[in-house]
């Protein structure tokens, strides 16, 4: 009976050891996975930021184009026509 109990405990210890070893093995790769996740999140955030800046640049470009067109129209109204040369 004592030998059977000892054998059961050895089997249980082996099972727990194997489980611990698997957890260790999985955790060794966890740093690489966490780094990949961090880079992916950083890239996603950068893309979102760049898209936002692109939209802002388009708004600024439109405003500048509109301002230049308005300045041209104002110049035509405000300035005398060029003198004709003979």
Protein backbone atom coordinates (compact mmCIF):
# COMPACT_ATOMS: atom_id res chain seq x y z
CA UNK A 1 0.00 0.00 0.00
CA UNK A 2 2.78 2.47 0.88
CA UNK A 3 4.56 1.69 -2.39
CA UNK A 4 1.37 2.41 -4.38
CA UNK A 5 0.90 5.74 -2.56
CA UNK A 6 4.52 6.63 -3.27
CA UNK A 7 4.05 5.74 -6.97
CA UNK A 8 0.90 7.90 -7.15
CA UNK A 9 2.79 10.84 -5.66
CA UNK A 10 5.66 10.39 -8.12
CA UNK A 11 3.22 10.31 -11.03
CA UNK A 12 1.53 13.48 -9.73
CA UNK A 13 4.91 15.18 -9.22
CA UNK A 14 5.91 14.26 -12.80
CA UNK A 15 2.62 15.68 -14.12
CA UNK A 16 3.10 18.92 -12.21
CA UNK A 17 6.74 19.16 -13.34
CA UNK A 18 5.68 18.73 -16.98
CA UNK A 19 2.97 21.36 -16.56
CA UNK A 20 5.47 23.79 -15.01
CA UNK A 21 7.96 23.09 -17.83
CA UNK A 22 5.30 23.83 -20.44
CA UNK A 23 4.39 27.09 -18.71
CA UNK A 24 8.08 28.04 -18.62
CA UNK A 25 8.42 27.22 -22.30
CA UNK A 26 5.38 29.30 -23.21
CA UNK A 27 6.50 32.25 -21.10
CA UNK A 28 9.90 32.34 -22.85
CA UNK A 29 8.14 33.30 -26.08
CA UNK A 30 5.86 35.77 -24.31
CA UNK A 31 8.39 38.61 -24.50
CA UNK A 32 8.57 38.30 -28.27
CA UNK A 33 4.77 38.24 -28.52
CA UNK A 34 4.45 41.27 -26.23
CA UNK A 35 7.04 43.14 -28.31
CA UNK A 36 5.13 42.29 -31.48
CA UNK A 37 1.86 43.46 -29.92
CA UNK A 38 3.48 46.70 -28.75
CA UNK A 39 4.94 47.38 -32.21
CA UNK A 40 1.59 46.61 -33.85
CA UNK A 41 -0.28 48.94 -31.50
CA UNK A 42 2.35 51.63 -32.01
CA UNK A 43 2.08 51.21 -35.80
CA UNK A 44 -1.73 51.40 -35.65
CA UNK A 45 -1.53 54.55 -33.58
CA UNK A 46 1.01 56.05 -35.97
CA UNK A 47 -1.21 55.27 -38.96
CA UNK A 48 -4.18 56.92 -37.25
CA UNK A 49 -2.06 59.97 -36.40
CA UNK A 50 -0.73 60.23 -39.96
CA UNK A 51 -4.24 59.91 -41.38
CA UNK A 52 -5.38 62.72 -39.08
CA UNK A 53 -2.45 64.91 -40.13
CA UNK A 54 -3.21 64.16 -43.80
CA UNK A 55 -6.77 65.40 -43.28
CA UNK A 56 -5.49 68.52 -41.56
CA UNK A 57 -3.02 69.16 -44.38
CA UNK A 58 -5.84 68.88 -46.91
CA UNK A 59 -7.88 71.45 -44.98
CA UNK A 60 -4.89 73.83 -44.85
CA UNK A 61 -4.21 73.33 -48.57
CA UNK A 62 -7.85 74.12 -49.37
CA UNK A 63 -7.75 77.24 -47.21
CA UNK A 64 -4.55 78.44 -48.88
CA UNK A 65 -5.93 77.78 -52.35
CA UNK A 66 -9.09 79.69 -51.47
CA UNK A 67 -7.05 82.58 -50.04
CA UNK A 68 -4.89 82.79 -53.18
CA UNK A 69 -7.98 82.77 -55.41
CA UNK A 70 -9.56 85.50 -53.28
CA UNK A 71 -6.36 87.55 -53.45
CA UNK A 72 -6.31 87.23 -57.25
CA UNK A 73 -9.93 88.41 -57.51
CA UNK A 74 -9.23 91.31 -55.13
CA UNK A 75 -6.16 92.27 -57.18
CA UNK A 76 -8.19 92.37 -60.39
CA UNK A 77 -10.74 94.66 -58.74
CA UNK A 78 -8.26 96.88 -56.85
CA UNK A 79 -5.51 97.34 -59.41
CA UNK A 80 -5.89 99.38 -62.53
CA UNK A 81 -5.73 97.48 -65.77
CA UNK A 82 -2.26 97.33 -67.34
CA UNK A 83 -1.48 100.18 -69.69
CA UNK A 84 -1.49 99.27 -73.33
CA UNK A 85 1.89 99.59 -74.99
CA UNK A 86 2.18 100.64 -78.55
